[in-house]
Amino acid sequence: GGPARVVARVLSQFTRFLTGIEIHPGA
């Protein structure tokens, strides 16, 4: 929770850029 969620979203979006697969960190 909290500010950590921003880090999680950035990490997931970077992975989307690398793989073409988008998985929201909340899933």
mmCIF file of all heavy atoms, coordinates in Angstrom:
data_MODEL
# 
_entry.id   MODEL 
# 
loop_
_atom_site.group_PDB 
_atom_site.id 
_atom_site.type_symbol 
_atom_site.label_atom_id 
_atom_site.label_alt_id 
_atom_site.label_comp_id 
_atom_site.label_asym_id 
_atom_site.label_entity_id 
_atom_site.label_seq_id 
_atom_site.pdbx_PDB_ins_code 
_atom_site.Cartn_x 
_atom_site.Cartn_y 
_atom_site.Cartn_z 
_atom_site.occupancy 
_atom_site.B_iso_or_equiv 
_atom_site.pdbx_formal_charge 
_atom_site.auth_seq_id 
_atom_site.auth_comp_id 
_atom_site.auth_asym_id 
_atom_site.auth_atom_id 
_atom_site.pdbx_PDB_model_num 
ATOM 1   N N   . GLY A 1 1  ? 0.805  -1.212  0.000   1.00 0.00 ? 1  GLY A N   1 
ATOM 2   C CA  . GLY A 1 1  ? 0.000  0.000   0.000   1.00 0.00 ? 1  GLY A CA  1 
ATOM 3   C C   . GLY A 1 1  ? 0.841  1.266   0.000   1.00 0.00 ? 1  GLY A C   1 
ATOM 4   O O   . GLY A 1 1  ? 2.069  1.233   -0.032  1.00 0.00 ? 1  GLY A O   1 
ATOM 5   N N   . GLY A 1 2  ? 0.155  2.411   0.038   1.00 0.00 ? 2  GLY A N   1 
ATOM 6   C CA  . GLY A 1 2  ? 0.832  3.697   0.106   1.00 0.00 ? 2  GLY A CA  1 
ATOM 7   C C   . GLY A 1 2  ? 1.738  3.966   -1.091  1.00 0.00 ? 2  GLY A C   1 
ATOM 8   O O   . GLY A 1 2  ? 1.473  3.536   -2.212  1.00 0.00 ? 2  GLY A O   1 
ATOM 9   N N   . PRO A 1 3  ? 2.839  4.674   -0.847  1.00 0.00 ? 3  PRO A N   1 
ATOM 10  C CA  . PRO A 1 3  ? 3.759  5.037   -1.934  1.00 0.00 ? 3  PRO A CA  1 
ATOM 11  C C   . PRO A 1 3  ? 4.352  3.826   -2.662  1.00 0.00 ? 3  PRO A C   1 
ATOM 12  O O   . PRO A 1 3  ? 4.787  3.942   -3.811  1.00 0.00 ? 3  PRO A O   1 
ATOM 13  C CB  . PRO A 1 3  ? 4.863  5.825   -1.209  1.00 0.00 ? 3  PRO A CB  1 
ATOM 14  C CG  . PRO A 1 3  ? 4.231  6.311   0.053   1.00 0.00 ? 3  PRO A CG  1 
ATOM 15  C CD  . PRO A 1 3  ? 3.234  5.253   0.440   1.00 0.00 ? 3  PRO A CD  1 
ATOM 16  N N   . ALA A 1 4  ? 4.358  2.672   -1.996  1.00 0.00 ? 4  ALA A N   1 
ATOM 17  C CA  . ALA A 1 4  ? 4.908  1.472   -2.640  1.00 0.00 ? 4  ALA A CA  1 
ATOM 18  C C   . ALA A 1 4  ? 4.139  1.118   -3.910  1.00 0.00 ? 4  ALA A C   1 
ATOM 19  O O   . ALA A 1 4  ? 4.689  0.516   -4.841  1.00 0.00 ? 4  ALA A O   1 
ATOM 20  C CB  . ALA A 1 4  ? 4.875  0.295   -1.664  1.00 0.00 ? 4  ALA A CB  1 
ATOM 21  N N   . ARG A 1 5  ? 2.872  1.507   -3.960  1.00 0.00 ? 5  ARG A N   1 
ATOM 22  C CA  . ARG A 1 5  ? 2.062  1.183   -5.132  1.00 0.00 ? 5  ARG A CA  1 
ATOM 23  C C   . ARG A 1 5  ? 2.552  1.911   -6.383  1.00 0.00 ? 5  ARG A C   1 
ATOM 24  O O   . ARG A 1 5  ? 2.404  1.406   -7.489  1.00 0.00 ? 5  ARG A O   1 
ATOM 25  C CB  . ARG A 1 5  ? 0.592  1.489   -4.868  1.00 0.00 ? 5  ARG A CB  1 
ATOM 26  C CG  . ARG A 1 5  ? 0.003  0.562   -3.824  1.00 0.00 ? 5  ARG A CG  1 
ATOM 27  C CD  . ARG A 1 5  ? -1.504 0.584   -3.795  1.00 0.00 ? 5  ARG A CD  1 
ATOM 28  N NE  . ARG A 1 5  ? -2.006 -0.544  -3.019  1.00 0.00 ? 5  ARG A NE  1 
ATOM 29  C CZ  . ARG A 1 5  ? -3.284 -0.857  -2.886  1.00 0.00 ? 5  ARG A CZ  1 
ATOM 30  N NH1 . ARG A 1 5  ? -4.208 -0.113  -3.490  1.00 0.00 ? 5  ARG A NH1 1 
ATOM 31  N NH2 . ARG A 1 5  ? -3.657 -1.916  -2.182  1.00 0.00 ? 5  ARG A NH2 1 
ATOM 32  N N   . VAL A 1 6  ? 3.126  3.088   -6.201  1.00 0.00 ? 6  VAL A N   1 
ATOM 33  C CA  . VAL A 1 6  ? 3.702  3.797   -7.347  1.00 0.00 ? 6  VAL A CA  1 
ATOM 34  C C   . VAL A 1 6  ? 4.870  2.997   -7.906  1.00 0.00 ? 6  VAL A C   1 
ATOM 35  O O   . VAL A 1 6  ? 5.016  2.846   -9.123  1.00 0.00 ? 6  VAL A O   1 
ATOM 36  C CB  . VAL A 1 6  ? 4.145  5.215   -6.938  1.00 0.00 ? 6  VAL A CB  1 
ATOM 37  C CG1 . VAL A 1 6  ? 4.822  5.920   -8.115  1.00 0.00 ? 6  VAL A CG1 1 
ATOM 38  C CG2 . VAL A 1 6  ? 2.960  6.030   -6.436  1.00 0.00 ? 6  VAL A CG2 1 
ATOM 39  N N   . VAL A 1 7  ? 5.695  2.481   -7.017  1.00 0.00 ? 7  VAL A N   1 
ATOM 40  C CA  . VAL A 1 7  ? 6.827  1.660   -7.447  1.00 0.00 ? 7  VAL A CA  1 
ATOM 41  C C   . VAL A 1 7  ? 6.333  0.425   -8.196  1.00 0.00 ? 7  VAL A C   1 
ATOM 42  O O   . VAL A 1 7  ? 6.866  0.056   -9.252  1.00 0.00 ? 7  VAL A O   1 
ATOM 43  C CB  . VAL A 1 7  ? 7.685  1.243   -6.233  1.00 0.00 ? 7  VAL A CB  1 
ATOM 44  C CG1 . VAL A 1 7  ? 8.816  0.302   -6.663  1.00 0.00 ? 7  VAL A CG1 1 
ATOM 45  C CG2 . VAL A 1 7  ? 8.250  2.467   -5.533  1.00 0.00 ? 7  VAL A CG2 1 
ATOM 46  N N   . ALA A 1 8  ? 5.287  -0.205  -7.665  1.00 0.00 ? 8  ALA A N   1 
ATOM 47  C CA  . ALA A 1 8  ? 4.732  -1.400  -8.308  1.00 0.00 ? 8  ALA A CA  1 
ATOM 48  C C   . ALA A 1 8  ? 4.212  -1.088  -9.703  1.00 0.00 ? 8  ALA A C   1 
ATOM 49  O O   . ALA A 1 8  ? 4.411  -1.854  -10.650 1.00 0.00 ? 8  ALA A O   1 
ATOM 50  C CB  . ALA A 1 8  ? 3.623  -1.993  -7.436  1.00 0.00 ? 8  ALA A CB  1 
ATOM 51  N N   . ARG A 1 9  ? 3.520  0.047   -9.865  1.00 0.00 ? 9  ARG A N   1 
ATOM 52  C CA  . ARG A 1 9  ? 2.991  0.427   -11.170 1.00 0.00 ? 9  ARG A CA  1 
ATOM 53  C C   . ARG A 1 9  ? 4.113  0.721   -12.168 1.00 0.00 ? 9  ARG A C   1 
ATOM 54  O O   . ARG A 1 9  ? 4.032  0.339   -13.337 1.00 0.00 ? 9  ARG A O   1 
ATOM 55  C CB  . ARG A 1 9  ? 2.076  1.654   -11.055 1.00 0.00 ? 9  ARG A CB  1 
ATOM 56  C CG  . ARG A 1 9  ? 0.708  1.390   -10.443 1.00 0.00 ? 9  ARG A CG  1 
ATOM 57  C CD  . ARG A 1 9  ? -0.094 0.333   -11.187 1.00 0.00 ? 9  ARG A CD  1 
ATOM 58  N NE  . ARG A 1 9  ? -0.258 0.578   -12.617 1.00 0.00 ? 9  ARG A NE  1 
ATOM 59  C CZ  . ARG A 1 9  ? -1.228 1.295   -13.166 1.00 0.00 ? 9  ARG A CZ  1 
ATOM 60  N NH1 . ARG A 1 9  ? -2.136 1.876   -12.403 1.00 0.00 ? 9  ARG A NH1 1 
ATOM 61  N NH2 . ARG A 1 9  ? -1.304 1.427   -14.476 1.00 0.00 ? 9  ARG A NH2 1 
ATOM 62  N N   . VAL A 1 10 ? 5.129  1.408   -11.718 1.00 0.00 ? 10 VAL A N   1 
ATOM 63  C CA  . VAL A 1 10 ? 6.265  1.704   -12.605 1.00 0.00 ? 10 VAL A CA  1 
ATOM 64  C C   . VAL A 1 10 ? 6.935  0.406   -13.053 1.00 0.00 ? 10 VAL A C   1 
ATOM 65  O O   . VAL A 1 10 ? 7.263  0.236   -14.234 1.00 0.00 ? 10 VAL A O   1 
ATOM 66  C CB  . VAL A 1 10 ? 7.280  2.624   -11.889 1.00 0.00 ? 10 VAL A CB  1 
ATOM 67  C CG1 . VAL A 1 10 ? 8.569  2.737   -12.704 1.00 0.00 ? 10 VAL A CG1 1 
ATOM 68  C CG2 . VAL A 1 10 ? 6.673  4.003   -11.655 1.00 0.00 ? 10 VAL A CG2 1 
ATOM 69  N N   . LEU A 1 11 ? 7.095  -0.521  -12.131 1.00 0.00 ? 11 LEU A N   1 
ATOM 70  C CA  . LEU A 1 11 ? 7.705  -1.804  -12.464 1.00 0.00 ? 11 LEU A CA  1 
ATOM 71  C C   . LEU A 1 11 ? 6.857  -2.570  -13.471 1.00 0.00 ? 11 LEU A C   1 
ATOM 72  O O   . LEU A 1 11 ? 7.373  -3.138  -14.440 1.00 0.00 ? 11 LEU A O   1 
ATOM 73  C CB  . LEU A 1 11 ? 7.893  -2.621  -11.189 1.00 0.00 ? 11 LEU A CB  1 
ATOM 74  C CG  . LEU A 1 11 ? 8.618  -3.960  -11.312 1.00 0.00 ? 11 LEU A CG  1 
ATOM 75  C CD1 . LEU A 1 11 ? 10.007 -3.771  -11.904 1.00 0.00 ? 11 LEU A CD1 1 
ATOM 76  C CD2 . LEU A 1 11 ? 8.714  -4.634  -9.932  1.00 0.00 ? 11 LEU A CD2 1 
ATOM 77  N N   . SER A 1 12 ? 5.540  -2.570  -13.277 1.00 0.00 ? 12 SER A N   1 
ATOM 78  C CA  . SER A 1 12 ? 4.667  -3.295  -14.196 1.00 0.00 ? 12 SER A CA  1 
ATOM 79  C C   . SER A 1 12 ? 4.664  -2.649  -15.577 1.00 0.00 ? 12 SER A C   1 
ATOM 80  O O   . SER A 1 12 ? 4.622  -3.339  -16.602 1.00 0.00 ? 12 SER A O   1 
ATOM 81  C CB  . SER A 1 12 ? 3.241  -3.377  -13.641 1.00 0.00 ? 12 SER A CB  1 
ATOM 82  O OG  . SER A 1 12 ? 2.613  -2.113  -13.626 1.00 0.00 ? 12 SER A OG  1 
ATOM 83  N N   . GLN A 1 13 ? 4.720  -1.323  -15.639 1.00 0.00 ? 13 GLN A N   1 
ATOM 84  C CA  . GLN A 1 13 ? 4.737  -0.649  -16.930 1.00 0.00 ? 13 GLN A CA  1 
ATOM 85  C C   . GLN A 1 13 ? 6.062  -0.869  -17.657 1.00 0.00 ? 13 GLN A C   1 
ATOM 86  O O   . GLN A 1 13 ? 6.098  -0.998  -18.887 1.00 0.00 ? 13 GLN A O   1 
ATOM 87  C CB  . GLN A 1 13 ? 4.489  0.853   -16.747 1.00 0.00 ? 13 GLN A CB  1 
ATOM 88  C CG  . GLN A 1 13 ? 3.058  1.189   -16.385 1.00 0.00 ? 13 GLN A CG  1 
ATOM 89  C CD  . GLN A 1 13 ? 2.070  0.707   -17.447 1.00 0.00 ? 13 GLN A CD  1 
ATOM 90  O OE1 . GLN A 1 13 ? 1.347  -0.268  -17.235 1.00 0.00 ? 13 GLN A OE1 1 
ATOM 91  N NE2 . GLN A 1 13 ? 2.037  1.380   -18.582 1.00 0.00 ? 13 GLN A NE2 1 
ATOM 92  N N   . PHE A 1 14 ? 7.151  -0.927  -16.924 1.00 0.00 ? 14 PHE A N   1 
ATOM 93  C CA  . PHE A 1 14 ? 8.445  -1.227  -17.538 1.00 0.00 ? 14 PHE A CA  1 
ATOM 94  C C   . PHE A 1 14 ? 8.432  -2.639  -18.125 1.00 0.00 ? 14 PHE A C   1 
ATOM 95  O O   . PHE A 1 14 ? 8.944  -2.880  -19.226 1.00 0.00 ? 14 PHE A O   1 
ATOM 96  C CB  . PHE A 1 14 ? 9.568  -1.083  -16.509 1.00 0.00 ? 14 PHE A CB  1 
ATOM 97  C CG  . PHE A 1 14 ? 10.934 -1.331  -17.073 1.00 0.00 ? 14 PHE A CG  1 
ATOM 98  C CD1 . PHE A 1 14 ? 11.472 -0.485  -18.028 1.00 0.00 ? 14 PHE A CD1 1 
ATOM 99  C CD2 . PHE A 1 14 ? 11.686 -2.421  -16.649 1.00 0.00 ? 14 PHE A CD2 1 
ATOM 100 C CE1 . PHE A 1 14 ? 12.740 -0.714  -18.561 1.00 0.00 ? 14 PHE A CE1 1 
ATOM 101 C CE2 . PHE A 1 14 ? 12.948 -2.660  -17.167 1.00 0.00 ? 14 PHE A CE2 1 
ATOM 102 C CZ  . PHE A 1 14 ? 13.479 -1.805  -18.123 1.00 0.00 ? 14 PHE A CZ  1 
ATOM 103 N N   . THR A 1 15 ? 7.805  -3.565  -17.407 1.00 0.00 ? 15 THR A N   1 
ATOM 104 C CA  . THR A 1 15 ? 7.687  -4.934  -17.907 1.00 0.00 ? 15 THR A CA  1 
ATOM 105 C C   . THR A 1 15 ? 6.815  -4.980  -19.154 1.00 0.00 ? 15 THR A C   1 
ATOM 106 O O   . THR A 1 15 ? 7.104  -5.735  -20.097 1.00 0.00 ? 15 THR A O   1 
ATOM 107 C CB  . THR A 1 15 ? 7.097  -5.846  -16.816 1.00 0.00 ? 15 THR A CB  1 
ATOM 108 O OG1 . THR A 1 15 ? 7.878  -5.715  -15.630 1.00 0.00 ? 15 THR A OG1 1 
ATOM 109 C CG2 . THR A 1 15 ? 7.076  -7.296  -17.257 1.00 0.00 ? 15 THR A CG2 1 
ATOM 110 N N   . ARG A 1 16 ? 5.767  -4.176  -19.177 1.00 0.00 ? 16 ARG A N   1 
ATOM 111 C CA  . ARG A 1 16 ? 4.936  -4.081  -20.382 1.00 0.00 ? 16 ARG A CA  1 
ATOM 112 C C   . ARG A 1 16 ? 5.772  -3.624  -21.569 1.00 0.00 ? 16 ARG A C   1 
ATOM 113 O O   . ARG A 1 16 ? 5.637  -4.142  -22.681 1.00 0.00 ? 16 ARG A O   1 
ATOM 114 C CB  . ARG A 1 16 ? 3.791  -3.115  -20.124 1.00 0.00 ? 16 ARG A CB  1 
ATOM 115 C CG  . ARG A 1 16 ? 2.929  -2.844  -21.349 1.00 0.00 ? 16 ARG A CG  1 
ATOM 116 C CD  . ARG A 1 16 ? 1.992  -1.686  -21.113 1.00 0.00 ? 16 ARG A CD  1 
ATOM 117 N NE  . ARG A 1 16 ? 1.198  -1.416  -22.295 1.00 0.00 ? 16 ARG A NE  1 
ATOM 118 C CZ  . ARG A 1 16 ? 0.411  -0.370  -22.429 1.00 0.00 ? 16 ARG A CZ  1 
ATOM 119 N NH1 . ARG A 1 16 ? 0.309  0.511   -21.454 1.00 0.00 ? 16 ARG A NH1 1 
ATOM 120 N NH2 . ARG A 1 16 ? -0.271 -0.173  -23.530 1.00 0.00 ? 16 ARG A NH2 1 
ATOM 121 N N   . PHE A 1 17 ? 6.627  -2.626  -21.358 1.00 0.00 ? 17 PHE A N   1 
ATOM 122 C CA  . PHE A 1 17 ? 7.494  -2.126  -22.422 1.00 0.00 ? 17 PHE A CA  1 
ATOM 123 C C   . PHE A 1 17 ? 8.413  -3.226  -22.945 1.00 0.00 ? 17 PHE A C   1 
ATOM 124 O O   . PHE A 1 17 ? 8.636  -3.357  -24.155 1.00 0.00 ? 17 PHE A O   1 
ATOM 125 C CB  . PHE A 1 17 ? 8.322  -0.949  -21.889 1.00 0.00 ? 17 PHE A CB  1 
ATOM 126 C CG  . PHE A 1 17 ? 9.397  -0.483  -22.815 1.00 0.00 ? 17 PHE A CG  1 
ATOM 127 C CD1 . PHE A 1 17 ? 9.095  0.278   -23.935 1.00 0.00 ? 17 PHE A CD1 1 
ATOM 128 C CD2 . PHE A 1 17 ? 10.729 -0.809  -22.570 1.00 0.00 ? 17 PHE A CD2 1 
ATOM 129 C CE1 . PHE A 1 17 ? 10.099 0.718   -24.792 1.00 0.00 ? 17 PHE A CE1 1 
ATOM 130 C CE2 . PHE A 1 17 ? 11.726 -0.384  -23.423 1.00 0.00 ? 17 PHE A CE2 1 
ATOM 131 C CZ  . PHE A 1 17 ? 11.417 0.385   -24.542 1.00 0.00 ? 17 PHE A CZ  1 
ATOM 132 N N   . LEU A 1 18 ? 8.932  -4.054  -22.050 1.00 0.00 ? 18 LEU A N   1 
ATOM 133 C CA  . LEU A 1 18 ? 9.887  -5.097  -22.445 1.00 0.00 ? 18 LEU A CA  1 
ATOM 134 C C   . LEU A 1 18 ? 9.223  -6.319  -23.064 1.00 0.00 ? 18 LEU A C   1 
ATOM 135 O O   . LEU A 1 18 ? 9.808  -6.952  -23.953 1.00 0.00 ? 18 LEU A O   1 
ATOM 136 C CB  . LEU A 1 18 ? 10.699 -5.536  -21.219 1.00 0.00 ? 18 LEU A CB  1 
ATOM 137 C CG  . LEU A 1 18 ? 11.661 -4.507  -20.629 1.00 0.00 ? 18 LEU A CG  1 
ATOM 138 C CD1 . LEU A 1 18 ? 12.321 -5.076  -19.383 1.00 0.00 ? 18 LEU A CD1 1 
ATOM 139 C CD2 . LEU A 1 18 ? 12.711 -4.086  -21.649 1.00 0.00 ? 18 LEU A CD2 1 
ATOM 140 N N   . THR A 1 19 ? 8.020  -6.680  -22.601 1.00 0.00 ? 19 THR A N   1 
ATOM 141 C CA  . THR A 1 19 ? 7.421  -7.957  -22.993 1.00 0.00 ? 19 THR A CA  1 
ATOM 142 C C   . THR A 1 19 ? 6.169  -7.838  -23.851 1.00 0.00 ? 19 THR A C   1 
ATOM 143 O O   . THR A 1 19 ? 5.762  -8.824  -24.475 1.00 0.00 ? 19 THR A O   1 
ATOM 144 C CB  . THR A 1 19 ? 7.051  -8.789  -21.747 1.00 0.00 ? 19 THR A CB  1 
ATOM 145 O OG1 . THR A 1 19 ? 6.000  -8.111  -21.031 1.00 0.00 ? 19 THR A OG1 1 
ATOM 146 C CG2 . THR A 1 19 ? 8.257  -8.985  -20.825 1.00 0.00 ? 19 THR A CG2 1 
ATOM 147 N N   . GLY A 1 20 ? 5.514  -6.673  -23.859 1.00 0.00 ? 20 GLY A N   1 
ATOM 148 C CA  . GLY A 1 20 ? 4.235  -6.552  -24.549 1.00 0.00 ? 20 GLY A CA  1 
ATOM 149 C C   . GLY A 1 20 ? 3.083  -7.138  -23.762 1.00 0.00 ? 20 GLY A C   1 
ATOM 150 O O   . GLY A 1 20 ? 1.975  -7.294  -24.276 1.00 0.00 ? 20 GLY A O   1 
ATOM 151 N N   . ILE A 1 21 ? 3.325  -7.478  -22.499 1.00 0.00 ? 21 ILE A N   1 
ATOM 152 C CA  . ILE A 1 21 ? 2.309  -8.070  -21.621 1.00 0.00 ? 21 ILE A CA  1 
ATOM 153 C C   . ILE A 1 21 ? 2.056  -7.116  -20.467 1.00 0.00 ? 21 ILE A C   1 
ATOM 154 O O   . ILE A 1 21 ? 2.982  -6.699  -19.776 1.00 0.00 ? 21 ILE A O   1 
ATOM 155 C CB  . ILE A 1 21 ? 2.794  -9.431  -21.072 1.00 0.00 ? 21 ILE A CB  1 
ATOM 156 C CG1 . ILE A 1 21 ? 3.035  -10.415 -22.206 1.00 0.00 ? 21 ILE A CG1 1 
ATOM 157 C CG2 . ILE A 1 21 ? 1.807  -9.996  -20.051 1.00 0.00 ? 21 ILE A CG2 1 
ATOM 158 C CD1 . ILE A 1 21 ? 3.791  -11.658 -21.797 1.00 0.00 ? 21 ILE A CD1 1 
ATOM 159 N N   . GLU A 1 22 ? 0.785  -6.755  -20.269 1.00 0.00 ? 22 GLU A N   1 
ATOM 160 C CA  . GLU A 1 22 ? 0.434  -5.814  -19.203 1.00 0.00 ? 22 GLU A CA  1 
ATOM 161 C C   . GLU A 1 22 ? -0.369 -6.525  -18.125 1.00 0.00 ? 22 GLU A C   1 
ATOM 162 O O   . GLU A 1 22 ? -1.501 -6.948  -18.366 1.00 0.00 ? 22 GLU A O   1 
ATOM 163 C CB  . GLU A 1 22 ? -0.376 -4.644  -19.768 1.00 0.00 ? 22 GLU A CB  1 
ATOM 164 C CG  . GLU A 1 22 ? -0.761 -3.629  -18.702 1.00 0.00 ? 22 GLU A CG  1 
ATOM 165 C CD  . GLU A 1 22 ? -1.482 -2.423  -19.268 1.00 0.00 ? 22 GLU A CD  1 
ATOM 166 O OE1 . GLU A 1 22 ? -1.472 -2.235  -20.500 1.00 0.00 ? 22 GLU A OE1 1 
ATOM 167 O OE2 . GLU A 1 22 ? -2.075 -1.663  -18.462 1.00 0.00 ? 22 GLU A OE2 1 
ATOM 168 N N   . ILE A 1 23 ? 0.227  -6.649  -16.953 1.00 0.00 ? 23 ILE A N   1 
ATOM 169 C CA  . ILE A 1 23 ? -0.464 -7.232  -15.800 1.00 0.00 ? 23 ILE A CA  1 
ATOM 170 C C   . ILE A 1 23 ? -0.448 -6.187  -14.690 1.00 0.00 ? 23 ILE A C   1 
ATOM 171 O O   . ILE A 1 23 ? 0.624  -5.800  -14.202 1.00 0.00 ? 23 ILE A O   1 
ATOM 172 C CB  . ILE A 1 23 ? 0.207  -8.526  -15.303 1.00 0.00 ? 23 ILE A CB  1 
ATOM 173 C CG1 . ILE A 1 23 ? 0.415  -9.523  -16.446 1.00 0.00 ? 23 ILE A CG1 1 
ATOM 174 C CG2 . ILE A 1 23 ? -0.621 -9.156  -14.185 1.00 0.00 ? 23 ILE A CG2 1 
ATOM 175 C CD1 . ILE A 1 23 ? 1.172  -10.781 -16.030 1.00 0.00 ? 23 ILE A CD1 1 
ATOM 176 N N   . HIS A 1 24 ? -1.620 -5.721  -14.305 1.00 0.00 ? 24 HIS A N   1 
ATOM 177 C CA  . HIS A 1 24 ? -1.687 -4.738  -13.225 1.00 0.00 ? 24 HIS A CA  1 
ATOM 178 C C   . HIS A 1 24 ? -1.172 -5.390  -11.946 1.00 0.00 ? 24 HIS A C   1 
ATOM 179 O O   . HIS A 1 24 ? -1.499 -6.552  -11.650 1.00 0.00 ? 24 HIS A O   1 
ATOM 180 C CB  . HIS A 1 24 ? -3.129 -4.267  -13.031 1.00 0.00 ? 24 HIS A CB  1 
ATOM 181 C CG  . HIS A 1 24 ? -3.243 -3.071  -12.143 1.00 0.00 ? 24 HIS A CG  1 
ATOM 182 N ND1 . HIS A 1 24 ? -3.092 -3.147  -10.772 1.00 0.00 ? 24 HIS A ND1 1 
ATOM 183 C CD2 . HIS A 1 24 ? -3.495 -1.762  -12.428 1.00 0.00 ? 24 HIS A CD2 1 
ATOM 184 C CE1 . HIS A 1 24 ? -3.251 -1.946  -10.243 1.00 0.00 ? 24 HIS A CE1 1 
ATOM 185 N NE2 . HIS A 1 24 ? -3.494 -1.087  -11.228 1.00 0.00 ? 24 HIS A NE2 1 
ATOM 186 N N   . PRO A 1 25 ? -0.363 -4.670  -11.166 1.00 0.00 ? 25 PRO A N   1 
ATOM 187 C CA  . PRO A 1 25 ? 0.195  -5.289  -9.950  1.00 0.00 ? 25 PRO A CA  1 
ATOM 188 C C   . PRO A 1 25 ? -0.851 -5.675  -8.917  1.00 0.00 ? 25 PRO A C   1 
ATOM 189 O O   . PRO A 1 25 ? -0.579 -6.483  -8.027  1.00 0.00 ? 25 PRO A O   1 
ATOM 190 C CB  . PRO A 1 25 ? 1.140  -4.205  -9.401  1.00 0.00 ? 25 PRO A CB  1 
ATOM 191 C CG  . PRO A 1 25 ? 0.709  -2.938  -10.045 1.00 0.00 ? 25 PRO A CG  1 
ATOM 192 C CD  . PRO A 1 25 ? 0.153  -3.323  -11.380 1.00 0.00 ? 25 PRO A CD  1 
ATOM 193 N N   . GLY A 1 26 ? -2.066 -5.136  -9.041  1.00 0.00 ? 26 GLY A N   1 
ATOM 194 C CA  . GLY A 1 26 ? -3.123 -5.525  -8.110  1.00 0.00 ? 26 GLY A CA  1 
ATOM 195 C C   . GLY A 1 26 ? -3.764 -6.856  -8.435  1.00 0.00 ? 26 GLY A C   1 
ATOM 196 O O   . GLY A 1 26 ? -4.450 -7.440  -7.590  1.00 0.00 ? 26 GLY A O   1 
ATOM 197 N N   . ALA A 1 27 ? -3.574 -7.356  -9.653  1.00 0.00 ? 27 ALA A N   1 
ATOM 198 C CA  . ALA A 1 27 ? -4.184 -8.631  -10.047 1.00 0.00 ? 27 ALA A CA  1 
ATOM 199 C C   . ALA A 1 27 ? -3.631 -9.774  -9.202  1.00 0.00 ? 27 ALA A C   1 
ATOM 200 O O   . ALA A 1 27 ? -2.443 -9.787  -8.848  1.00 0.00 ? 27 ALA A O   1 
ATOM 201 C CB  . ALA A 1 27 ? -3.926 -8.899  -11.525 1.00 0.00 ? 27 ALA A CB  1 
# 
